[in-house]
Amino acid sequence: MYHGKAGRKLGRTSSHREAMFRNMVTSIIKHESIRTTDTMAKEVRKLADRMITLGKKGDLHARRQALSIVRDKDMVGKLFGELTDRFRKRAGGYTRIIKVGYRFGDNAPVSILEYIPDEKKKEKVKPKAKAKANMAE
């Protein structure tokens, strides 16, 4: 019986799946957003959130654990610097999945997996909208 087996196989061997997840996590750290199928996004989300948690720990062991998955020193530097600073006050839930429709060709459901934008950027956008509303009156 197939009870208690966590994670999805996605029709790939374990080594292919592991390599694919590593590449996708590296891409989401680099571009902060990737477009993929719904099921892959749900699986990669687990690793992407775990990487931020490692970045927040910030010690040498956490950096080595992140390097074992990401394997790109520049991206680990970005993870432990820029991304960790952005999510310093947030306790989990660093990514979001936005469903965008279906892929042409095989009609697979497609989503965008992205790190949640910086809260400071949101604050800057809101006053501009209010200023334009005041000018219209």
N, C-alpha and C. Protein backbone atom coordinates (compact mmCIF):
# COMPACT_ATOMS: atom_id res chain seq x y z
N MET A 1 0.84 -1.20 0.00
CA MET A 1 0.00 0.00 0.00
C MET A 1 0.87 1.25 0.00
N TYR A 2 0.27 2.34 -0.43
CA TYR A 2 1.02 3.58 -0.63
C TYR A 2 0.69 4.61 0.45
N HIS A 3 0.67 4.20 1.69
CA HIS A 3 0.31 5.12 2.77
C HIS A 3 1.53 5.89 3.26
N GLY A 4 1.33 7.16 3.57
CA GLY A 4 2.34 7.96 4.25
C GLY A 4 3.55 8.35 3.42
N LYS A 5 3.43 8.33 2.12
CA LYS A 5 4.54 8.74 1.27
C LYS A 5 4.37 10.21 0.90
N ALA A 6 5.17 11.06 1.50
CA ALA A 6 5.03 12.51 1.28
C ALA A 6 5.67 12.91 -0.04
N GLY A 7 5.11 13.90 -0.69
CA GLY A 7 5.68 14.43 -1.92
C GLY A 7 5.10 13.77 -3.16
N ARG A 8 5.27 14.44 -4.28
CA ARG A 8 4.76 13.95 -5.55
C ARG A 8 5.91 13.43 -6.40
N LYS A 9 5.65 12.39 -7.18
CA LYS A 9 6.71 11.82 -8.03
C LYS A 9 6.86 12.57 -9.34
N LEU A 10 5.79 13.14 -9.86
CA LEU A 10 5.80 13.96 -11.07
C LEU A 10 6.32 13.20 -12.30
N GLY A 11 6.19 11.88 -12.30
CA GLY A 11 6.57 11.08 -13.46
C GLY A 11 8.06 11.11 -13.77
N ARG A 12 8.89 11.27 -12.75
CA ARG A 12 10.33 11.36 -12.96
C ARG A 12 11.05 10.45 -11.97
N THR A 13 12.29 10.12 -12.29
CA THR A 13 13.09 9.37 -11.34
C THR A 13 13.48 10.30 -10.19
N SER A 14 13.93 9.71 -9.10
CA SER A 14 14.26 10.52 -7.93
C SER A 14 15.40 11.49 -8.22
N SER A 15 16.40 11.05 -8.98
CA SER A 15 17.53 11.94 -9.28
C SER A 15 17.10 13.08 -10.20
N HIS A 16 16.24 12.79 -11.17
CA HIS A 16 15.74 13.84 -12.07
C HIS A 16 14.90 14.84 -11.30
N ARG A 17 14.05 14.34 -10.42
CA ARG A 17 13.18 15.19 -9.61
C ARG A 17 14.02 16.09 -8.70
N GLU A 18 15.03 15.53 -8.07
CA GLU A 18 15.89 16.30 -7.17
C GLU A 18 16.63 17.40 -7.94
N ALA A 19 17.17 17.06 -9.10
CA ALA A 19 17.89 18.05 -9.91
C ALA A 19 16.95 19.14 -10.39
N MET A 20 15.74 18.76 -10.79
CA MET A 20 14.76 19.74 -11.26
C MET A 20 14.38 20.71 -10.14
N PHE A 21 14.15 20.18 -8.94
CA PHE A 21 13.80 21.04 -7.81
C PHE A 21 14.95 21.98 -7.46
N ARG A 22 16.18 21.49 -7.52
CA ARG A 22 17.33 22.36 -7.25
C ARG A 22 17.41 23.49 -8.26
N ASN A 23 17.21 23.16 -9.53
CA ASN A 23 17.24 24.19 -10.57
C ASN A 23 16.12 25.20 -10.39
N MET A 24 14.93 24.73 -10.03
CA MET A 24 13.80 25.64 -9.87
C MET A 24 13.99 26.55 -8.66
N VAL A 25 14.53 26.01 -7.58
CA VAL A 25 14.79 26.84 -6.39
C VAL A 25 15.85 27.89 -6.70
N THR A 26 16.88 27.50 -7.44
CA THR A 26 17.90 28.47 -7.84
C THR A 26 17.29 29.56 -8.71
N SER A 27 16.38 29.19 -9.61
CA SER A 27 15.73 30.17 -10.48
C SER A 27 14.83 31.11 -9.70
N ILE A 28 14.12 30.59 -8.72
CA ILE A 28 13.23 31.47 -7.96
C ILE A 28 14.04 32.43 -7.09
N ILE A 29 15.20 32.00 -6.61
CA ILE A 29 16.05 32.92 -5.86
C ILE A 29 16.62 33.98 -6.79
N LYS A 30 17.00 33.58 -7.99
CA LYS A 30 17.60 34.51 -8.95
C LYS A 30 16.59 35.51 -9.48
N HIS A 31 15.43 35.03 -9.94
CA HIS A 31 14.45 35.89 -10.59
C HIS A 31 13.29 36.30 -9.68
N GLU A 32 13.18 35.65 -8.52
CA GLU A 32 12.12 35.87 -7.53
C GLU A 32 10.74 35.50 -8.05
N SER A 33 10.67 34.86 -9.21
CA SER A 33 9.40 34.43 -9.76
C SER A 33 9.68 33.40 -10.86
N ILE A 34 8.91 32.31 -10.87
CA ILE A 34 9.02 31.33 -11.95
C ILE A 34 7.62 30.92 -12.38
N ARG A 35 7.52 30.49 -13.63
CA ARG A 35 6.25 30.02 -14.18
C ARG A 35 6.37 28.53 -14.42
N THR A 36 5.48 27.75 -13.81
CA THR A 36 5.54 26.30 -13.90
C THR A 36 4.14 25.72 -13.70
N THR A 37 4.03 24.40 -13.76
CA THR A 37 2.72 23.78 -13.56
C THR A 37 2.34 23.85 -12.08
N ASP A 38 1.05 23.71 -11.82
CA ASP A 38 0.54 23.83 -10.45
C ASP A 38 1.20 22.83 -9.50
N THR A 39 1.27 21.57 -9.91
CA THR A 39 1.82 20.56 -9.00
C THR A 39 3.30 20.78 -8.73
N MET A 40 4.05 21.19 -9.74
CA MET A 40 5.47 21.49 -9.52
C MET A 40 5.63 22.69 -8.61
N ALA A 41 4.78 23.70 -8.79
CA ALA A 41 4.85 24.90 -7.94
C ALA A 41 4.60 24.54 -6.48
N LYS A 42 3.64 23.65 -6.25
CA LYS A 42 3.32 23.25 -4.88
C LYS A 42 4.48 22.49 -4.23
N GLU A 43 5.21 21.71 -5.01
CA GLU A 43 6.35 20.98 -4.47
C GLU A 43 7.56 21.89 -4.27
N VAL A 44 7.83 22.77 -5.23
CA VAL A 44 9.00 23.65 -5.13
C VAL A 44 8.81 24.68 -4.03
N ARG A 45 7.56 25.04 -3.76
CA ARG A 45 7.25 26.01 -2.70
C ARG A 45 7.84 25.56 -1.37
N LYS A 46 7.77 24.26 -1.08
CA LYS A 46 8.30 23.74 0.18
C LYS A 46 9.80 24.04 0.31
N LEU A 47 10.54 23.76 -0.76
CA LEU A 47 11.99 24.01 -0.74
C LEU A 47 12.30 25.50 -0.71
N ALA A 48 11.54 26.29 -1.46
CA ALA A 48 11.80 27.73 -1.52
C ALA A 48 11.59 28.37 -0.15
N ASP A 49 10.55 27.96 0.56
CA ASP A 49 10.31 28.49 1.90
C ASP A 49 11.40 28.01 2.87
N ARG A 50 11.84 26.77 2.70
CA ARG A 50 12.88 26.24 3.57
C ARG A 50 14.20 27.00 3.38
N MET A 51 14.47 27.44 2.16
CA MET A 51 15.70 28.19 1.90
C MET A 51 15.68 29.52 2.65
N ILE A 52 14.54 30.20 2.68
CA ILE A 52 14.43 31.46 3.43
C ILE A 52 14.65 31.21 4.92
N THR A 53 14.09 30.11 5.42
CA THR A 53 14.27 29.77 6.83
C THR A 53 15.74 29.54 7.14
N LEU A 54 16.45 28.86 6.24
CA LEU A 54 17.89 28.67 6.43
C LEU A 54 18.62 30.02 6.41
N GLY A 55 18.20 30.89 5.50
CA GLY A 55 18.81 32.22 5.41
C GLY A 55 18.62 33.02 6.68
N LYS A 56 17.46 32.87 7.30
CA LYS A 56 17.19 33.61 8.53
C LYS A 56 18.03 33.10 9.70
N LYS A 57 18.40 31.82 9.67
CA LYS A 57 19.29 31.30 10.71
C LYS A 57 20.65 31.97 10.60
N GLY A 58 21.17 32.03 9.38
CA GLY A 58 22.36 32.83 9.11
C GLY A 58 23.70 32.28 9.55
N ASP A 59 23.76 31.12 10.18
CA ASP A 59 25.05 30.61 10.62
C ASP A 59 25.73 29.80 9.51
N LEU A 60 26.93 29.36 9.79
CA LEU A 60 27.72 28.65 8.79
C LEU A 60 27.06 27.33 8.38
N HIS A 61 26.50 26.62 9.33
CA HIS A 61 25.86 25.35 9.02
C HIS A 61 24.66 25.56 8.09
N ALA A 62 23.88 26.59 8.35
CA ALA A 62 22.73 26.89 7.49
C ALA A 62 23.19 27.26 6.08
N ARG A 63 24.27 28.01 5.99
CA ARG A 63 24.81 28.39 4.67
C ARG A 63 25.27 27.15 3.90
N ARG A 64 25.90 26.21 4.59
CA ARG A 64 26.35 24.98 3.92
C ARG A 64 25.16 24.11 3.51
N GLN A 65 24.12 24.08 4.32
CA GLN A 65 22.91 23.34 3.94
C GLN A 65 22.28 23.96 2.70
N ALA A 66 22.23 25.28 2.64
CA ALA A 66 21.68 25.96 1.47
C ALA A 66 22.53 25.69 0.24
N LEU A 67 23.85 25.69 0.40
CA LEU A 67 24.75 25.39 -0.73
C LEU A 67 24.58 23.96 -1.23
N SER A 68 24.17 23.04 -0.36
CA SER A 68 23.97 21.67 -0.81
C SER A 68 22.75 21.55 -1.72
N ILE A 69 21.84 22.50 -1.64
CA ILE A 69 20.65 22.48 -2.50
C ILE A 69 20.82 23.44 -3.67
N VAL A 70 21.21 24.67 -3.41
CA VAL A 70 21.27 25.69 -4.46
C VAL A 70 22.51 25.54 -5.33
N ARG A 71 23.67 25.31 -4.76
CA ARG A 71 24.93 25.08 -5.48
C ARG A 71 25.37 26.24 -6.36
N ASP A 72 24.97 27.44 -6.03
CA ASP A 72 25.43 28.64 -6.73
C ASP A 72 25.75 29.66 -5.65
N LYS A 73 27.03 29.96 -5.46
CA LYS A 73 27.45 30.81 -4.35
C LYS A 73 26.84 32.21 -4.43
N ASP A 74 26.68 32.74 -5.64
CA ASP A 74 26.08 34.07 -5.78
C ASP A 74 24.63 34.07 -5.30
N MET A 75 23.89 33.02 -5.64
CA MET A 75 22.48 32.95 -5.24
C MET A 75 22.35 32.71 -3.73
N VAL A 76 23.28 31.96 -3.16
CA VAL A 76 23.25 31.78 -1.70
C VAL A 76 23.57 33.10 -1.02
N GLY A 77 24.46 33.89 -1.61
CA GLY A 77 24.74 35.22 -1.08
C GLY A 77 23.52 36.11 -1.13
N LYS A 78 22.78 36.05 -2.23
CA LYS A 78 21.54 36.83 -2.34
C LYS A 78 20.52 36.34 -1.33
N LEU A 79 20.44 35.03 -1.16
CA LEU A 79 19.50 34.44 -0.21
C LEU A 79 19.79 34.90 1.21
N PHE A 80 21.06 34.86 1.61
CA PHE A 80 21.43 35.22 2.98
C PHE A 80 21.51 36.73 3.18
N GLY A 81 21.43 37.50 2.13
CA GLY A 81 21.48 38.96 2.25
C GLY A 81 20.14 39.59 1.99
N GLU A 82 19.87 39.84 0.72
CA GLU A 82 18.68 40.59 0.30
C GLU A 82 17.36 39.91 0.69
N LEU A 83 17.22 38.63 0.40
CA LEU A 83 15.95 37.95 0.67
C LEU A 83 15.70 37.77 2.16
N THR A 84 16.76 37.47 2.91
CA THR A 84 16.60 37.30 4.35
C THR A 84 16.19 38.62 5.01
N ASP A 85 16.76 39.73 4.56
CA ASP A 85 16.38 41.03 5.12
C ASP A 85 14.92 41.34 4.83
N ARG A 86 14.45 40.97 3.66
CA ARG A 86 13.06 41.24 3.29
C ARG A 86 12.08 40.50 4.18
N PHE A 87 12.41 39.27 4.56
CA PHE A 87 11.48 38.43 5.31
C PHE A 87 11.84 38.31 6.78
N ARG A 88 12.66 39.22 7.29
CA ARG A 88 13.13 39.14 8.67
C ARG A 88 11.96 39.09 9.67
N LYS A 89 10.92 39.89 9.46
CA LYS A 89 9.81 39.97 10.42
C LYS A 89 8.70 38.97 10.13
N ARG A 90 8.73 38.32 8.98
CA ARG A 90 7.67 37.39 8.59
C ARG A 90 7.99 35.99 9.12
N ALA A 91 7.00 35.34 9.71
CA ALA A 91 7.19 34.00 10.26
C ALA A 91 6.54 32.96 9.35
N GLY A 92 7.18 32.67 8.23
CA GLY A 92 6.66 31.66 7.31
C GLY A 92 5.80 32.26 6.23
N GLY A 93 5.47 31.45 5.23
CA GLY A 93 4.64 31.90 4.12
C GLY A 93 5.35 32.92 3.25
N TYR A 94 6.54 32.59 2.79
CA TYR A 94 7.35 33.54 2.03
C TYR A 94 7.01 33.55 0.55
N THR A 95 6.31 32.53 0.08
CA THR A 95 5.99 32.42 -1.35
C THR A 95 4.49 32.44 -1.54
N ARG A 96 4.09 32.71 -2.79
CA ARG A 96 2.68 32.60 -3.15
C ARG A 96 2.58 31.99 -4.53
N ILE A 97 1.46 31.32 -4.76
CA ILE A 97 1.20 30.68 -6.05
C ILE A 97 0.00 31.38 -6.67
N ILE A 98 0.20 31.91 -7.87
CA ILE A 98 -0.87 32.59 -8.60
C ILE A 98 -1.19 31.75 -9.83
N LYS A 99 -2.42 31.27 -9.90
CA LYS A 99 -2.82 30.45 -11.05
C LYS A 99 -3.08 31.36 -12.24
N VAL A 100 -2.48 31.02 -13.39
CA VAL A 100 -2.57 31.91 -14.56
C VAL A 100 -3.30 31.28 -15.74
N GLY A 101 -3.69 30.04 -15.66
CA GLY A 101 -4.43 29.45 -16.77
C GLY A 101 -3.86 28.10 -17.16
N TYR A 102 -3.94 27.82 -18.47
CA TYR A 102 -3.54 26.52 -18.98
C TYR A 102 -2.51 26.69 -20.09
N ARG A 103 -1.56 25.77 -20.13
CA ARG A 103 -0.47 25.83 -21.10
C ARG A 103 -0.95 25.36 -22.47
N PHE A 104 -0.55 26.11 -23.49
CA PHE A 104 -0.87 25.73 -24.86
C PHE A 104 -0.08 24.48 -25.22
N GLY A 105 -0.73 23.53 -25.82
CA GLY A 105 -0.04 22.30 -26.22
C GLY A 105 -0.54 21.10 -25.46
N ASP A 106 -0.41 21.12 -24.13
CA ASP A 106 -0.87 19.97 -23.35
C ASP A 106 -1.96 20.35 -22.35
N ASN A 107 -2.35 21.61 -22.32
CA ASN A 107 -3.44 22.09 -21.46
C ASN A 107 -3.18 21.85 -19.97
N ALA A 108 -1.91 21.85 -19.59
CA ALA A 108 -1.55 21.67 -18.18
C ALA A 108 -1.82 22.96 -17.42
N PRO A 109 -2.38 22.88 -16.21
CA PRO A 109 -2.61 24.10 -15.43
C PRO A 109 -1.28 24.74 -15.03
N VAL A 110 -1.15 26.04 -15.29
CA VAL A 110 0.10 26.76 -15.08
C VAL A 110 -0.07 27.80 -13.98
N SER A 111 0.97 27.96 -13.17
CA SER A 111 0.97 28.94 -12.08
C SER A 111 2.27 29.71 -12.07
N ILE A 112 2.23 30.85 -11.39
CA ILE A 112 3.45 31.61 -11.13
C ILE A 112 3.76 31.44 -9.65
N LEU A 113 4.96 30.96 -9.36
CA LEU A 113 5.44 30.84 -7.99
C LEU A 113 6.41 31.98 -7.76
N GLU A 114 6.14 32.81 -6.74
CA GLU A 114 6.99 33.97 -6.52
C GLU A 114 7.13 34.24 -5.04
N TYR A 115 8.26 34.87 -4.70
CA TYR A 115 8.42 35.37 -3.34
C TYR A 115 7.53 36.58 -3.17
N ILE A 116 6.95 36.72 -2.00
CA ILE A 116 6.05 37.83 -1.73
C ILE A 116 6.82 39.14 -1.83
N PRO A 117 6.27 40.14 -2.52
CA PRO A 117 6.99 41.41 -2.70
C PRO A 117 7.29 42.10 -1.37
N ASP A 118 8.25 43.01 -1.42
CA ASP A 118 8.68 43.75 -0.25
C ASP A 118 7.55 44.65 0.25
N GLU A 119 7.34 44.70 1.56
CA GLU A 119 6.28 45.53 2.14
C GLU A 119 6.56 47.01 1.94
N LYS A 120 7.83 47.40 1.88
CA LYS A 120 8.18 48.80 1.69
C LYS A 120 7.71 49.29 0.33
N LYS A 121 7.79 48.44 -0.68
CA LYS A 121 7.35 48.83 -2.02
C LYS A 121 5.84 49.05 -2.05
N LYS A 122 5.10 48.26 -1.29
CA LYS A 122 3.65 48.42 -1.23
C LYS A 122 3.28 49.79 -0.64
N GLU A 123 3.99 50.20 0.41
CA GLU A 123 3.69 51.47 1.06
C GLU A 123 3.94 52.64 0.12
N LYS A 124 4.95 52.55 -0.73
CA LYS A 124 5.24 53.63 -1.66
C LYS A 124 4.17 53.76 -2.73
N VAL A 125 3.54 52.67 -3.11
CA VAL A 125 2.53 52.69 -4.16
C VAL A 125 1.24 53.32 -3.67
N LYS A 126 0.84 53.05 -2.44
CA LYS A 126 -0.44 53.54 -1.92
C LYS A 126 -0.53 55.07 -1.86
N PRO A 127 0.47 55.80 -1.34
CA PRO A 127 0.34 57.26 -1.29
C PRO A 127 0.21 57.89 -2.68
N LYS A 128 0.84 57.33 -3.69
CA LYS A 128 0.73 57.89 -5.03
C LYS A 128 -0.70 57.80 -5.53
N ALA A 129 -1.37 56.71 -5.24
CA ALA A 129 -2.76 56.56 -5.68
C ALA A 129 -3.66 57.57 -4.97
N LYS A 130 -3.40 57.82 -3.70
CA LYS A 130 -4.20 58.81 -2.97
C LYS A 130 -3.93 60.22 -3.47
N ALA A 131 -2.69 60.50 -3.82
CA ALA A 131 -2.35 61.83 -4.32
C ALA A 131 -3.06 62.11 -5.63
N LYS A 132 -3.14 61.13 -6.50
CA LYS A 132 -3.85 61.30 -7.77
C LYS A 132 -5.34 61.50 -7.53
N ALA A 133 -5.89 60.82 -6.54
CA ALA A 133 -7.31 60.97 -6.24
C ALA A 133 -7.60 62.39 -5.72
N ASN A 134 -6.68 62.94 -4.92
CA ASN A 134 -6.86 64.29 -4.41
C ASN A 134 -6.77 65.33 -5.52
N MET A 135 -5.92 65.11 -6.49
CA MET A 135 -5.78 66.04 -7.61
C MET A 135 -7.03 66.05 -8.49
N ALA A 136 -7.70 64.92 -8.59
CA ALA A 136 -8.89 64.82 -9.44
C ALA A 136 -10.06 65.62 -8.85
N GLU A 137 -10.09 65.76 -7.54
CA GLU A 137 -11.19 66.50 -6.89
C GLU A 137 -10.98 67.96 -7.09
